[in-house]
């Protein structure tokens, strides 16, 4: 991912929090000479050895999985809030741009066995059911329903490299920076307001 030095995020704790909060990602690999991508939850977890990995699952009917055996190198892409930035918000002439936060994780993927796939499902469901009025638990699902779990491949990605971009108008002076935040807040667009919030954290 092309990232000018000004926008590189190398704060590991911040990147870790971002991955946990924005875990619906895009898994990309090459299968039969073609690039393939699947939109799925991909969770940052600790494996049995206490090492940070990415975990998830895809359908056994998804042809993307065929490529995991041919070439285990994959890319997982995660995006956060993003917004158009109008140059009319500056006190000088300039070009419009886009503010955004994104993380690319490169690694090696391996398919895990059924038991580990089910354990991953339990953690995933527990995470997203925590605020439910009547939370679902994988342990309470019927044998019939759990047969559907036989239709997935659980996977684990060994993380080899992380590239993180946080492009939030860092190149603007305080006056223009504050004005961008103000204009974003006026849009009533949830993504733009989220960008304004992130910008406010970066510069008080």
Protein backbone atom coordinates (compact mmCIF):
# COMPACT_ATOMS: atom_id res chain seq x y z
CA UNK A 1 0.00 0.00 0.00
CA UNK A 2 1.46 3.34 -1.02
CA UNK A 3 1.72 5.52 2.08
CA UNK A 4 3.77 8.73 2.28
CA UNK A 5 5.79 8.87 5.52
CA UNK A 6 3.55 11.63 6.91
CA UNK A 7 0.54 9.30 6.90
CA UNK A 8 2.21 6.07 8.10
CA UNK A 9 0.83 4.73 11.35
CA UNK A 10 3.40 2.69 13.27
CA UNK A 11 1.66 2.74 16.64
CA UNK A 12 1.16 -0.99 17.25
CA UNK A 13 -1.44 -0.57 20.00
CA UNK A 14 -3.46 1.76 17.79
CA UNK A 15 -3.26 -0.65 14.85
CA UNK A 16 -4.30 -3.55 17.08
CA UNK A 17 -7.34 -1.59 18.35
CA UNK A 18 -8.24 -0.62 14.78
CA UNK A 19 -8.19 -4.25 13.62
CA UNK A 20 -10.42 -5.29 16.51
CA UNK A 21 -12.90 -2.47 15.85
CA UNK A 22 -12.94 -2.82 12.04
CA UNK A 23 -12.71 -6.57 11.62
CA UNK A 24 -15.00 -6.91 8.59
CA UNK A 25 -12.30 -7.13 5.95
CA UNK A 26 -11.47 -8.28 2.45
CA UNK A 27 -9.43 -11.46 2.05
CA UNK A 28 -7.43 -11.41 -1.20
CA UNK A 29 -5.41 -14.16 -2.83
CA UNK A 30 -4.60 -15.62 -6.23
CA UNK A 31 -6.52 -18.69 -7.37
CA UNK A 32 -5.96 -20.36 -10.72
CA UNK A 33 -4.09 -17.30 -11.98
CA UNK A 34 -6.85 -14.87 -10.99
CA UNK A 35 -7.11 -12.45 -8.09
CA UNK A 36 -9.97 -13.40 -5.77
CA UNK A 37 -11.53 -11.46 -2.89
CA UNK A 38 -14.08 -12.32 -0.22
CA UNK A 39 -15.73 -9.90 2.24
CA UNK A 40 -15.79 -11.58 5.66
CA UNK A 41 -15.11 -10.97 9.36
CA UNK A 42 -11.41 -11.57 10.02
CA UNK A 43 -10.54 -11.41 13.69
CA UNK A 44 -7.23 -10.58 15.36
CA UNK A 45 -6.68 -13.33 17.93
CA UNK A 46 -3.99 -15.15 19.89
CA UNK A 47 -3.35 -18.70 18.69
CA UNK A 48 -2.46 -21.70 20.87
CA UNK A 49 1.19 -20.54 20.94
CA UNK A 50 0.21 -17.07 22.18
CA UNK A 51 1.08 -15.48 18.83
CA UNK A 52 -1.15 -12.86 17.20
CA UNK A 53 -2.84 -14.19 14.07
CA UNK A 54 -5.89 -13.44 11.95
CA UNK A 55 -8.72 -15.97 12.07
CA UNK A 56 -11.85 -16.43 10.02
CA UNK A 57 -13.79 -18.82 7.82
CA UNK A 58 -15.17 -19.09 4.31
CA UNK A 59 -17.62 -21.43 2.61
CA UNK A 60 -16.24 -24.67 1.20
CA UNK A 61 -18.16 -23.76 -1.97
CA UNK A 62 -16.05 -20.60 -2.36
CA UNK A 63 -13.49 -21.31 -5.13
CA UNK A 64 -11.07 -18.89 -3.49
CA UNK A 65 -10.14 -21.63 -1.02
CA UNK A 66 -8.63 -23.73 -3.84
CA UNK A 67 -5.82 -21.20 -4.08
CA UNK A 68 -4.76 -21.58 -0.45
CA UNK A 69 -3.09 -24.90 -1.26
CA UNK A 70 -1.35 -23.61 -4.41
CA UNK A 71 -0.09 -20.38 -2.84
CA UNK A 72 -0.58 -19.63 0.84
CA UNK A 73 0.25 -15.90 0.57
CA UNK A 74 -2.75 -13.68 1.22
CA UNK A 75 -3.62 -10.05 1.85
CA UNK A 76 -6.33 -8.93 4.29
CA UNK A 77 -7.58 -5.36 3.85
CA UNK A 78 -9.38 -3.43 6.59
CA UNK A 79 -10.88 0.03 6.21
CA UNK A 80 -12.13 2.56 8.72
CA UNK A 81 -13.90 5.89 8.36
CA UNK A 82 -13.28 7.92 5.20
CA UNK A 83 -14.52 11.18 3.75
CA UNK A 84 -14.15 13.64 0.88
CA UNK A 85 -12.30 16.80 1.86
CA UNK A 86 -13.30 19.88 -0.12
CA UNK A 87 -10.56 22.39 -0.85
CA UNK A 88 -13.17 25.11 -0.32
CA UNK A 89 -12.60 24.46 3.39
CA UNK A 90 -9.04 25.87 3.19
CA UNK A 91 -8.05 29.51 3.44
CA UNK A 92 -6.05 29.14 0.20
CA UNK A 93 -6.43 27.52 -3.20
CA UNK A 94 -5.61 23.82 -3.30
CA UNK A 95 -6.91 20.50 -4.62
CA UNK A 96 -9.68 18.43 -2.97
CA UNK A 97 -8.63 15.14 -1.37
CA UNK A 98 -9.89 12.18 0.65
CA UNK A 99 -9.16 11.37 4.31
CA UNK A 100 -9.21 7.75 5.43
CA UNK A 101 -7.79 5.06 7.70
CA UNK A 102 -6.78 1.65 6.35
CA UNK A 103 -4.66 -1.34 7.35
CA UNK A 104 -3.22 -4.05 5.07
CA UNK A 105 -2.07 -7.31 6.63
CA UNK A 106 0.12 -9.66 4.59
CA UNK A 107 0.58 -13.24 5.70
CA UNK A 108 0.44 -16.97 5.11
CA UNK A 109 -2.87 -18.79 5.41
CA UNK A 110 -3.61 -22.32 6.54
CA UNK A 111 -6.88 -24.21 6.84
CA UNK A 112 -7.64 -25.43 10.38
CA UNK A 113 -9.50 -28.59 11.39
CA UNK A 114 -13.21 -28.76 12.22
CA UNK A 115 -12.74 -28.53 15.99
CA UNK A 116 -10.69 -25.35 15.67
CA UNK A 117 -13.19 -23.94 13.19
CA UNK A 118 -15.97 -24.41 15.73
CA UNK A 119 -13.88 -22.73 18.46
CA UNK A 120 -13.34 -19.77 16.15
CA UNK A 121 -17.11 -19.61 15.50
CA UNK A 122 -17.80 -19.58 19.24
CA UNK A 123 -15.48 -16.60 19.78
CA UNK A 124 -16.92 -14.76 16.78
CA UNK A 125 -20.54 -15.25 17.82
CA UNK A 126 -19.81 -14.38 21.46
CA UNK A 127 -18.14 -11.13 20.35
CA UNK A 128 -21.11 -9.94 18.30
CA UNK A 129 -23.87 -11.29 20.54
CA UNK A 130 -22.56 -9.56 23.67
CA UNK A 131 -25.16 -6.77 23.49
CA UNK A 132 -28.06 -8.92 22.25
CA UNK A 133 -31.21 -9.13 24.36
CA UNK A 134 -31.31 -12.90 23.82
CA UNK A 135 -27.73 -13.82 22.91
CA UNK A 136 -27.13 -16.85 20.72
CA UNK A 137 -24.40 -19.27 21.78
CA UNK A 138 -22.86 -21.82 19.44
CA UNK A 139 -22.80 -24.31 22.34
CA UNK A 140 -26.61 -24.18 22.50
CA UNK A 141 -27.29 -24.78 18.80
CA UNK A 142 -28.84 -28.09 17.78
CA UNK A 143 -26.87 -30.86 16.13
CA UNK A 144 -28.90 -30.26 12.97
CA UNK A 145 -27.96 -26.58 12.85
CA UNK A 146 -24.33 -27.32 13.63
CA UNK A 147 -24.13 -29.57 10.57
CA UNK A 148 -23.97 -26.34 8.60
CA UNK A 149 -20.57 -25.70 10.20
CA UNK A 150 -19.31 -28.65 8.15
CA UNK A 151 -19.76 -26.40 5.12
CA UNK A 152 -17.01 -23.97 6.08
CA UNK A 153 -13.24 -23.84 6.16
CA UNK A 154 -11.80 -22.17 9.25
CA UNK A 155 -8.46 -20.53 8.61
CA UNK A 156 -5.57 -18.90 10.41
CA UNK A 157 -3.24 -16.28 8.90
CA UNK A 158 0.32 -16.02 10.16
CA UNK A 159 1.05 -12.28 10.06
CA UNK A 160 4.18 -11.38 8.10
CA UNK A 161 3.76 -7.64 7.54
CA UNK A 162 1.36 -4.87 8.50
CA UNK A 163 1.02 -1.60 6.59
CA UNK A 164 -1.14 1.06 8.19
CA UNK A 165 -2.26 4.39 6.75
CA UNK A 166 -3.90 7.20 8.66
CA UNK A 167 -4.42 10.10 6.24
CA UNK A 168 -6.12 12.81 8.27
CA UNK A 169 -4.93 16.17 6.89
CA UNK A 170 -1.71 16.06 8.90
CA UNK A 171 -0.18 18.37 6.28
CA UNK A 172 -2.53 21.25 7.21
CA UNK A 173 -1.80 24.03 9.68
CA UNK A 174 -3.88 24.30 12.86
CA UNK A 175 -6.31 26.86 11.45
CA UNK A 176 -7.19 24.79 8.36
CA UNK A 177 -7.11 21.55 10.34
CA UNK A 178 -9.73 22.84 12.78
CA UNK A 179 -11.83 24.18 9.93
CA UNK A 180 -11.82 20.78 8.18
CA UNK A 181 -13.09 19.17 11.40
CA UNK A 182 -15.82 21.80 11.68
CA UNK A 183 -16.95 21.33 8.08
CA UNK A 184 -16.95 17.53 8.41
CA UNK A 185 -19.16 17.78 11.50
CA UNK A 186 -21.65 19.92 9.57
CA UNK A 187 -22.18 17.27 6.89
CA UNK A 188 -24.34 15.01 9.08
CA UNK A 189 -22.69 12.11 7.22
CA UNK A 190 -21.69 9.37 9.74
CA UNK A 191 -18.43 8.60 7.89
CA UNK A 192 -17.44 12.27 7.74
CA UNK A 193 -18.27 12.78 11.41
CA UNK A 194 -16.20 9.70 12.29
CA UNK A 195 -13.25 11.19 10.37
CA UNK A 196 -13.69 14.46 12.28
CA UNK A 197 -13.63 12.51 15.55
CA UNK A 198 -10.40 10.75 14.57
CA UNK A 199 -8.85 14.06 13.54
CA UNK A 200 -9.78 15.58 16.90
CA UNK A 201 -7.92 12.78 18.68
CA UNK A 202 -4.76 13.43 16.68
CA UNK A 203 -4.43 17.15 17.29
CA UNK A 204 -5.84 18.93 20.31
